[in-house]
Amino acid sequence: MNPYLRNLLILTLIGTVNFFAFMFISGRSSLLFSKSPIATKSAIASDTEASQRTRIDIEDLFRHGAHGYQPPSAKQPAVIKDTEEPGRSFIFRSPTNISRVLPKDDYLSFRTSFNTTHVVRQIPVDSSGQNTVPSPGNLLALYNRDDSARVNPHDYRLILDEPQACFDASGAPKEVFLLVLICTIHKNFEQRRAIRETWGSPRETGGKRVITMFLLAYNEDARLQRQVEEECSEHHDLLQEDFQDTYKNLTLKTIMAMKWASTHCPQASYVMKTDDDMFVSYDNLVKHLASTKAPSVNHAEGFLINGGPIRDPKSKWYMPKDIYPGVKYPPFLSGTGYVMSGDVASKIYEESLDHKYLHLEDVFVAICLDALKIKPVKNKDFHNWRTAYSYCRFRRLMTTHMVQPSEMHRIWSDQHRHHNIRC
């Protein structure tokens, strides 16, 4: 053979082998074989997109620390624009009650009524002998207690509520093992529908009851609000308060979750906070929590991050020194999904009332946990980034991020179709 052709063939072969090795190592093999239930069109960004994300890469490194850093996703915008007030690089206004939206007599029209004259049985009691699980009829009064004298009162009203969620028809509290609270926004109807039909559909797993609820805030679009109210009437799994639904109010939504869990479902053994672009395995999570390894009190776990404040005003995660002067955050659990023992939800809510508000919700929760002397636990099966699909990989994980509704269906179907495969 001509030496020139032989050398050309050898170089071509080496290049092909390197290409396939790169595709497998980077988790993009699904582009070659089209077998992944995960859509992959966003897996490879253009050179322009990659260059625009350079600053985000560096921000992630500073925010997450060297050990917690993961490659940024294509979902993250390259340039973060502040839309709250023009002409200022960072605007944070303490939450106010300006956005109250409905008259008091109207904002609970979708609640299910209860006969609260029934005696509530099998209720845990605290050290003073008082009931710790209220009756459904008393939930609103408990939720609307006056905390105005506290540093950071969460005095927002419920627009949509489901007081029956953790109680049976007689008003007796259900035995709830896991309460899952999912942050969402009005327009994400397809995400909520997909979750209800896939990973959020089980009401019981491993003999343990699971309750799934969605968290919303106020949106000025009257049409979207009417659609959400219709959705609430049909599914009875939406909770809404009357603060503005913005990125910098995500902490308010998390505090709302902790408050609702502590007043409306205090008997839950565990509480999870997650987002509507996640895929969560209830089977794996319940099996893990039901094991003797999972503490029943003072426990919080998820994807643990060690990082510090970013001082660049253009960053999505900008933290001014006057709001947080420290150079390091307490170790914090990624807000994409974490779980805690039921007592911790109420402790976080109570502690939050005495701390200055921070718009980074996972950092704010970490500050509360640090003050409570509760050390968050790292769990390698919680993922805060997009995970390349394989049947066996998803049989082990608790959470993964950036999953589209169509992907939820494909993953759910594939996991059930091949459930007898040994990994």
Protein backbone atom coordinates (compact mmCIF):
# COMPACT_ATOMS: atom_id res chain seq x y z
CA MET A 1 0.00 0.00 0.00
CA ASN A 2 1.15 3.50 -0.70
CA PRO A 3 2.82 4.79 2.54
CA TYR A 4 0.94 8.08 2.19
CA LEU A 5 -2.47 6.33 2.10
CA ARG A 6 -1.47 4.03 4.95
CA ASN A 7 -0.54 6.98 7.17
CA LEU A 8 -3.75 8.78 6.21
CA LEU A 9 -5.85 5.75 7.16
CA ILE A 10 -4.03 5.42 10.49
CA LEU A 11 -4.62 9.09 11.33
CA THR A 12 -8.29 8.79 10.33
CA LEU A 13 -8.71 5.74 12.56
CA ILE A 14 -7.07 7.48 15.52
CA GLY A 15 -9.29 10.52 15.03
CA THR A 16 -12.43 8.37 14.88
CA VAL A 17 -11.51 6.52 18.08
CA ASN A 18 -10.81 9.80 19.87
CA PHE A 19 -14.15 11.21 18.70
CA PHE A 20 -16.15 8.24 20.01
CA ALA A 21 -14.20 8.28 23.28
CA PHE A 22 -14.98 11.98 23.74
CA MET A 23 -18.69 11.45 23.04
CA PHE A 24 -18.97 8.67 25.60
CA ILE A 25 -16.92 10.44 28.27
CA SER A 26 -18.90 13.68 27.89
CA GLY A 27 -22.25 11.87 28.15
CA ARG A 28 -23.25 12.72 24.57
CA SER A 29 -23.32 9.18 23.21
CA SER A 30 -27.09 9.51 22.84
CA LEU A 31 -26.43 11.84 19.91
CA LEU A 32 -24.86 8.90 18.09
CA PHE A 33 -27.41 6.20 18.87
CA SER A 34 -30.60 8.21 19.56
CA LYS A 35 -31.56 5.95 22.48
CA SER A 36 -31.68 8.42 25.32
CA PRO A 37 -35.04 9.50 26.69
CA ILE A 38 -33.33 12.83 27.42
CA ALA A 39 -33.51 15.33 24.57
CA THR A 40 -29.97 16.34 23.64
CA LYS A 41 -30.28 19.23 21.22
CA SER A 42 -29.01 21.61 23.93
CA ALA A 43 -26.09 19.40 24.87
CA ILE A 44 -23.74 20.96 22.31
CA ALA A 45 -23.73 24.75 22.31
CA SER A 46 -22.39 26.83 19.47
CA ASP A 47 -19.00 28.49 19.73
CA THR A 48 -20.76 31.82 20.28
CA GLU A 49 -22.87 30.43 23.13
CA ALA A 50 -19.80 28.83 24.69
CA SER A 51 -17.88 32.09 24.64
CA GLN A 52 -20.85 33.94 26.14
CA ARG A 53 -20.99 31.45 28.99
CA THR A 54 -17.32 31.95 29.97
CA ARG A 55 -18.28 34.45 32.66
CA ILE A 56 -20.97 32.09 33.98
CA ASP A 57 -18.37 29.31 34.20
CA ILE A 58 -16.21 31.44 36.46
CA GLU A 59 -19.21 32.54 38.54
CA ASP A 60 -20.22 28.93 39.08
CA LEU A 61 -16.72 28.15 40.30
CA PHE A 62 -16.84 30.96 42.83
CA ARG A 63 -20.42 30.20 43.91
CA HIS A 64 -20.05 26.45 44.21
CA GLY A 65 -16.39 26.13 45.15
CA ALA A 66 -13.91 23.78 43.55
CA HIS A 67 -15.50 20.67 45.02
CA GLY A 68 -19.10 21.59 44.30
CA TYR A 69 -18.58 22.99 40.82
CA GLN A 70 -20.44 21.46 37.91
CA PRO A 71 -20.45 22.57 34.26
CA PRO A 72 -23.12 25.21 33.65
CA SER A 73 -26.18 24.26 31.69
CA ALA A 74 -27.40 25.71 28.44
CA LYS A 75 -30.49 26.78 30.34
CA GLN A 76 -28.62 29.49 32.23
CA PRO A 77 -28.71 32.83 30.42
CA ALA A 78 -25.38 34.23 29.35
CA VAL A 79 -26.25 37.76 30.37
CA ILE A 80 -28.43 38.42 33.37
CA LYS A 81 -30.49 41.56 33.01
CA ASP A 82 -32.02 43.30 35.98
CA THR A 83 -35.60 44.14 35.06
CA GLU A 84 -36.78 45.51 38.38
CA GLU A 85 -35.49 49.08 38.02
CA PRO A 86 -33.50 50.51 35.10
CA GLY A 87 -30.18 52.18 35.77
CA ARG A 88 -29.14 50.08 38.77
CA SER A 89 -27.09 46.91 38.61
CA PHE A 90 -28.69 45.31 41.65
CA ILE A 91 -32.03 46.01 43.20
CA PHE A 92 -33.30 44.34 46.29
CA ARG A 93 -36.36 45.60 48.06
CA SER A 94 -37.50 44.00 51.26
CA PRO A 95 -40.82 42.22 50.73
CA THR A 96 -43.82 44.40 51.34
CA ASN A 97 -47.56 43.92 51.36
CA ILE A 98 -48.14 46.25 48.41
CA SER A 99 -49.07 43.37 46.09
CA ARG A 100 -52.14 42.23 48.00
CA VAL A 101 -54.52 41.13 45.28
CA LEU A 102 -57.85 39.80 46.49
CA PRO A 103 -60.36 40.84 49.14
CA LYS A 104 -60.16 38.70 52.24
CA ASP A 105 -63.60 37.22 51.63
CA ASP A 106 -62.69 36.08 48.12
CA TYR A 107 -59.22 34.61 48.18
CA LEU A 108 -60.11 31.12 49.42
CA SER A 109 -62.97 30.25 47.08
CA PHE A 110 -61.35 26.98 46.00
CA ARG A 111 -60.94 25.39 49.41
CA THR A 112 -62.64 22.16 50.28
CA SER A 113 -64.92 22.61 53.29
CA PHE A 114 -64.64 20.43 56.39
CA ASN A 115 -66.90 19.35 59.16
CA THR A 116 -64.60 20.50 61.93
CA THR A 117 -66.85 19.33 64.75
CA HIS A 118 -65.34 15.85 64.55
CA VAL A 119 -62.82 14.99 67.21
CA VAL A 120 -59.31 14.82 65.78
CA ARG A 121 -57.70 11.59 66.95
CA GLN A 122 -54.15 10.23 67.11
CA ILE A 123 -52.52 13.64 67.19
CA PRO A 124 -48.96 13.91 68.54
CA VAL A 125 -48.58 16.15 71.57
CA ASP A 126 -45.68 18.31 72.64
CA SER A 127 -44.07 18.41 76.09
CA SER A 128 -46.83 20.64 77.43
CA GLY A 129 -49.50 18.16 76.35
CA GLN A 130 -50.85 20.43 73.59
CA ASN A 131 -51.86 19.11 70.19
CA THR A 132 -49.19 19.71 67.55
CA VAL A 133 -51.44 18.96 64.58
CA PRO A 134 -54.29 21.47 64.25
CA SER A 135 -57.69 20.67 62.82
CA PRO A 136 -58.29 21.84 59.23
CA GLY A 137 -60.62 24.56 60.45
CA ASN A 138 -57.85 26.15 62.53
CA LEU A 139 -55.13 26.13 59.88
CA LEU A 140 -55.77 29.60 58.47
CA ALA A 141 -55.68 31.22 61.91
CA LEU A 142 -52.42 29.43 62.64
CA TYR A 143 -50.98 30.44 59.26
CA ASN A 144 -51.99 34.08 59.68
CA ARG A 145 -50.52 34.60 63.14
CA ASP A 146 -49.02 38.04 63.78
CA ASP A 147 -45.23 38.01 63.35
CA SER A 148 -44.95 41.72 62.50
CA ALA A 149 -42.55 42.37 65.38
CA ARG A 150 -39.96 39.96 63.97
CA VAL A 151 -36.99 40.96 61.81
CA ASN A 152 -38.29 39.22 58.68
CA PRO A 153 -42.03 38.56 59.08
CA HIS A 154 -43.58 36.38 56.42
CA ASP A 155 -46.99 38.00 56.55
CA TYR A 156 -48.25 37.18 53.07
CA ARG A 157 -51.73 35.78 52.58
CA LEU A 158 -52.72 32.53 50.96
CA ILE A 159 -54.64 33.07 47.73
CA LEU A 160 -54.99 29.34 47.03
CA ASP A 161 -54.83 26.79 49.81
CA GLU A 162 -55.54 23.09 50.28
CA PRO A 163 -56.11 22.61 54.02
CA GLN A 164 -57.41 19.08 53.42
CA ALA A 165 -54.20 17.82 51.81
CA CYS A 166 -52.82 16.19 54.96
CA PHE A 167 -56.17 15.34 56.56
CA ASP A 168 -58.86 12.80 55.81
CA ALA A 169 -62.55 13.57 55.23
CA SER A 170 -63.32 13.53 58.95
CA GLY A 171 -60.58 16.06 59.73
CA ALA A 172 -58.18 13.52 61.22
CA PRO A 173 -54.53 13.93 60.19
CA LYS A 174 -53.24 11.41 57.66
CA GLU A 175 -50.03 9.57 58.38
CA VAL A 176 -47.71 11.34 55.94
CA PHE A 177 -44.20 10.03 55.33
CA LEU A 178 -43.03 12.48 52.65
CA LEU A 179 -44.40 15.92 51.77
CA VAL A 180 -43.01 17.23 48.46
CA LEU A 181 -43.32 20.96 47.72
CA ILE A 182 -42.47 21.98 44.14
CA CYS A 183 -41.68 25.56 43.12
CA THR A 184 -43.38 26.50 39.86
CA ILE A 185 -44.76 29.52 37.99
CA HIS A 186 -48.14 30.13 36.39
CA LYS A 187 -47.24 29.45 32.77
CA ASN A 188 -45.60 26.07 33.45
CA PHE A 189 -48.81 24.11 32.97
CA GLU A 190 -47.06 21.41 30.95
CA GLN A 191 -44.40 20.86 33.59
CA ARG A 192 -47.01 20.40 36.31
CA ARG A 193 -49.07 18.09 34.11
CA ALA A 194 -46.03 15.98 33.28
CA ILE A 195 -45.04 15.73 36.96
CA ARG A 196 -48.58 14.66 37.92
CA GLU A 197 -48.47 11.95 35.25
CA THR A 198 -44.94 10.73 35.98
CA TRP A 199 -42.63 11.03 38.98
CA GLY A 200 -45.11 13.03 41.09
CA SER A 201 -47.99 10.62 40.49
CA PRO A 202 -47.42 8.06 43.30
CA ARG A 203 -49.57 8.63 46.36
CA GLU A 204 -47.82 5.79 48.13
CA THR A 205 -44.51 4.01 47.66
CA GLY A 206 -43.08 1.23 49.77
CA GLY A 207 -46.18 1.44 51.95
CA LYS A 208 -45.43 5.10 52.77
CA ARG A 209 -47.81 7.96 51.92
CA VAL A 210 -46.42 10.75 49.71
CA ILE A 211 -48.18 14.10 49.20
CA THR A 212 -47.14 16.39 46.33
CA MET A 213 -47.99 20.10 46.16
CA PHE A 214 -47.00 22.99 43.86
CA LEU A 215 -46.01 26.47 45.07
CA LEU A 216 -47.02 29.68 43.26
CA ALA A 217 -46.88 33.40 43.97
CA TYR A 218 -48.78 36.35 42.51
CA ASN A 219 -48.83 37.01 38.75
CA GLU A 220 -50.49 40.11 37.32
CA ASP A 221 -51.77 38.25 34.24
CA ALA A 222 -55.47 37.77 35.03
CA ARG A 223 -55.87 35.16 32.28
CA LEU A 224 -53.09 32.99 33.72
CA GLN A 225 -54.53 33.38 37.21
CA ARG A 226 -57.95 32.16 36.03
CA GLN A 227 -56.32 29.16 34.38
CA VAL A 228 -54.40 28.37 37.55
CA GLU A 229 -57.59 28.60 39.60
CA GLU A 230 -59.29 26.16 37.22
CA GLU A 231 -56.29 23.87 37.55
CA CYS A 232 -56.56 24.16 41.32
CA SER A 233 -60.23 23.19 41.24
CA GLU A 234 -59.40 20.10 39.22
CA HIS A 235 -56.28 18.81 40.95
CA HIS A 236 -56.30 20.36 44.45
CA ASP A 237 -52.52 20.49 44.62
CA LEU A 238 -51.71 24.21 44.19
CA LEU A 239 -50.69 26.65 46.92
CA GLN A 240 -50.35 30.37 46.26
CA GLU A 241 -49.39 33.44 48.26
CA ASP A 242 -49.76 37.08 47.24
CA PHE A 243 -46.15 38.21 46.88
CA GLN A 244 -44.78 38.94 43.40
CA ASP A 245 -43.47 35.85 41.57
CA THR A 246 -39.92 36.95 40.66
CA TYR A 247 -36.47 35.38 40.79
CA LYS A 248 -35.41 37.50 43.75
CA ASN A 249 -38.49 36.37 45.65
CA LEU A 250 -37.58 32.67 45.47
CA THR A 251 -36.61 32.85 49.12
CA LEU A 252 -40.16 33.98 49.90
CA LYS A 253 -41.47 30.91 48.07
CA THR A 254 -39.17 28.66 50.11
CA ILE A 255 -40.24 30.30 53.37
CA MET A 256 -43.82 29.81 52.21
CA ALA A 257 -43.07 26.11 51.76
CA MET A 258 -41.63 25.79 55.26
CA LYS A 259 -44.50 27.76 56.78
CA TRP A 260 -47.21 25.72 55.02
CA ALA A 261 -45.50 22.44 55.95
CA SER A 262 -45.25 23.46 59.60
CA THR A 263 -48.86 24.66 59.88
CA HIS A 264 -50.75 22.43 57.43
CA CYS A 265 -48.80 19.17 57.58
CA PRO A 266 -46.65 19.12 60.74
CA GLN A 267 -47.09 15.35 61.06
CA ALA A 268 -45.03 14.70 57.89
CA SER A 269 -41.96 12.63 58.70
CA TYR A 270 -39.95 14.30 55.92
CA VAL A 271 -40.36 17.39 53.73
CA MET A 272 -38.78 17.93 50.32
CA LYS A 273 -38.39 21.20 48.44
CA THR A 274 -37.71 20.96 44.69
CA ASP A 275 -38.42 22.62 41.32
CA ASP A 276 -40.64 21.83 38.35
CA ASP A 277 -37.74 21.15 35.98
CA MET A 278 -36.47 18.28 38.12
CA PHE A 279 -36.95 14.53 37.89
CA VAL A 280 -37.28 12.98 41.36
CA SER A 281 -37.36 9.27 42.17
CA TYR A 282 -39.85 8.81 44.99
CA ASP A 283 -39.01 5.11 45.15
CA ASN A 284 -35.32 5.74 45.78
CA LEU A 285 -35.96 8.65 48.12
CA VAL A 286 -38.47 6.82 50.28
CA LYS A 287 -36.31 3.71 50.45
CA HIS A 288 -33.39 5.82 51.57
CA LEU A 289 -35.33 7.81 54.15
CA ALA A 290 -37.09 4.73 55.52
CA SER A 291 -33.76 3.08 56.19
CA THR A 292 -32.18 3.33 59.62
CA LYS A 293 -29.47 5.57 58.14
CA ALA A 294 -31.76 8.57 57.75
CA PRO A 295 -32.20 10.50 61.03
CA SER A 296 -35.78 11.39 61.94
CA VAL A 297 -34.93 14.77 63.51
CA ASN A 298 -32.52 17.64 62.84
CA HIS A 299 -31.68 16.23 59.42
CA ALA A 300 -31.27 17.88 56.00
CA GLU A 301 -29.57 16.43 52.93
CA GLY A 302 -29.09 16.96 49.21
CA PHE A 303 -26.44 18.25 46.82
CA LEU A 304 -24.02 20.05 49.15
CA ILE A 305 -22.18 23.14 47.91
CA ASN A 306 -19.25 24.98 49.47
CA GLY A 307 -18.93 28.47 48.08
CA GLY A 308 -18.81 32.16 48.75
CA PRO A 309 -20.53 35.37 47.66
CA ILE A 310 -20.03 36.73 44.14
CA ARG A 311 -19.39 40.47 44.15
CA ASP A 312 -19.87 41.09 40.42
CA PRO A 313 -23.03 43.24 40.05
CA LYS A 314 -23.73 41.66 36.65
CA SER A 315 -23.95 38.17 38.09
CA LYS A 316 -27.20 36.32 38.62
CA TRP A 317 -25.88 35.45 42.09
CA TYR A 318 -24.55 38.91 42.99
CA MET A 319 -24.33 39.45 46.73
CA PRO A 320 -23.52 42.98 47.98
CA LYS A 321 -21.20 43.25 50.98
CA ASP A 322 -23.72 45.33 52.90
CA ILE A 323 -26.20 42.45 52.71
CA TYR A 324 -23.72 39.63 53.30
CA PRO A 325 -20.26 40.85 54.39
CA GLY A 326 -18.75 37.39 54.92
CA VAL A 327 -16.31 35.79 52.48
CA LYS A 328 -17.83 32.31 52.74
CA TYR A 329 -21.37 30.97 52.89
CA PRO A 330 -22.26 28.19 55.27
CA PRO A 331 -22.31 24.89 53.34
CA PHE A 332 -25.64 24.94 51.53
CA LEU A 333 -27.90 22.44 49.81
CA SER A 334 -28.67 23.22 46.19
CA GLY A 335 -32.17 24.65 45.94
CA THR A 336 -32.89 22.35 43.00
CA GLY A 337 -33.90 19.66 45.48
CA TYR A 338 -33.26 18.79 49.10
CA VAL A 339 -35.06 16.86 51.82
CA MET A 340 -35.29 17.35 55.58
CA SER A 341 -36.91 15.74 58.57
CA GLY A 342 -40.31 17.19 59.30
CA ASP A 343 -39.18 19.05 62.41
CA VAL A 344 -36.57 20.98 60.42
CA ALA A 345 -39.18 22.62 58.17
CA SER A 346 -40.84 24.31 61.12
CA LYS A 347 -37.47 25.16 62.68
CA ILE A 348 -36.29 26.82 59.45
CA TYR A 349 -39.49 28.85 59.26
CA GLU A 350 -39.20 30.04 62.85
CA GLU A 351 -35.51 30.84 62.42
CA SER A 352 -36.15 32.71 59.15
CA LEU A 353 -38.21 35.30 61.02
CA ASP A 354 -35.10 36.51 62.86
CA HIS A 355 -32.71 36.85 59.90
CA LYS A 356 -32.35 39.60 57.34
CA TYR A 357 -33.80 38.49 54.02
CA LEU A 358 -31.43 37.19 51.32
CA HIS A 359 -32.61 36.65 47.76
CA LEU A 360 -30.49 33.48 47.27
CA GLU A 361 -32.87 30.96 48.77
CA ASP A 362 -30.45 28.06 49.21
CA VAL A 363 -27.97 30.35 50.99
CA PHE A 364 -30.73 31.78 53.19
CA VAL A 365 -31.82 28.27 54.22
CA ALA A 366 -28.17 27.45 54.98
CA ILE A 367 -27.93 30.50 57.25
CA CYS A 368 -30.99 29.29 59.14
CA LEU A 369 -29.59 25.74 59.43
CA ASP A 370 -26.26 27.12 60.63
CA ALA A 371 -28.01 29.14 63.34
CA LEU A 372 -29.93 25.99 64.34
CA LYS A 373 -26.66 24.00 64.56
CA ILE A 374 -27.99 21.58 61.94
CA LYS A 375 -25.24 20.41 59.59
CA PRO A 376 -26.53 19.63 56.07
CA VAL A 377 -25.48 16.24 54.72
CA LYS A 378 -24.08 15.53 51.27
CA ASN A 379 -25.86 12.85 49.25
CA LYS A 380 -24.14 11.88 46.01
CA ASP A 381 -27.42 10.72 44.47
CA PHE A 382 -28.87 14.25 44.47
CA HIS A 383 -27.82 15.99 41.24
CA ASN A 384 -28.18 19.72 40.60
CA TRP A 385 -27.22 19.47 36.95
CA ARG A 386 -28.48 17.64 33.89
CA THR A 387 -27.68 13.93 34.02
CA ALA A 388 -27.19 11.91 30.84
CA TYR A 389 -29.81 9.18 30.82
CA SER A 390 -29.17 5.50 31.29
CA TYR A 391 -31.59 3.05 32.83
CA CYS A 392 -29.22 1.90 35.57
CA ARG A 393 -28.03 5.41 36.41
CA PHE A 394 -31.59 6.61 36.94
CA ARG A 395 -32.39 3.54 39.01
CA ARG A 396 -30.01 4.90 41.64
CA LEU A 397 -30.36 8.68 41.62
CA MET A 398 -32.70 10.78 43.79
CA THR A 399 -32.88 13.91 41.63
CA THR A 400 -31.66 15.32 38.33
CA HIS A 401 -32.06 18.79 36.84
CA MET A 402 -33.24 20.46 33.61
CA VAL A 403 -35.73 17.81 32.49
CA GLN A 404 -38.36 18.83 29.97
CA PRO A 405 -41.97 17.52 30.25
CA SER A 406 -41.57 15.21 27.25
CA GLU A 407 -38.39 13.82 28.79
CA MET A 408 -40.18 13.13 32.07
CA HIS A 409 -42.62 10.92 30.20
CA ARG A 410 -39.89 9.06 28.34
CA ILE A 411 -37.81 8.49 31.47
CA TRP A 412 -40.86 7.37 33.47
CA SER A 413 -41.96 4.98 30.73
CA ASP A 414 -38.48 3.54 30.25
CA GLN A 415 -37.94 3.02 33.98
CA HIS A 416 -41.21 1.11 34.30
CA ARG A 417 -40.88 -0.84 31.06
CA HIS A 418 -37.50 -2.25 32.09
CA HIS A 419 -38.05 -2.49 35.82
CA ASN A 420 -36.91 -6.13 35.93
CA ILE A 421 -33.46 -5.40 34.52
CA ARG A 422 -30.65 -5.98 36.98
CA CYS A 423 -28.08 -3.19 37.20
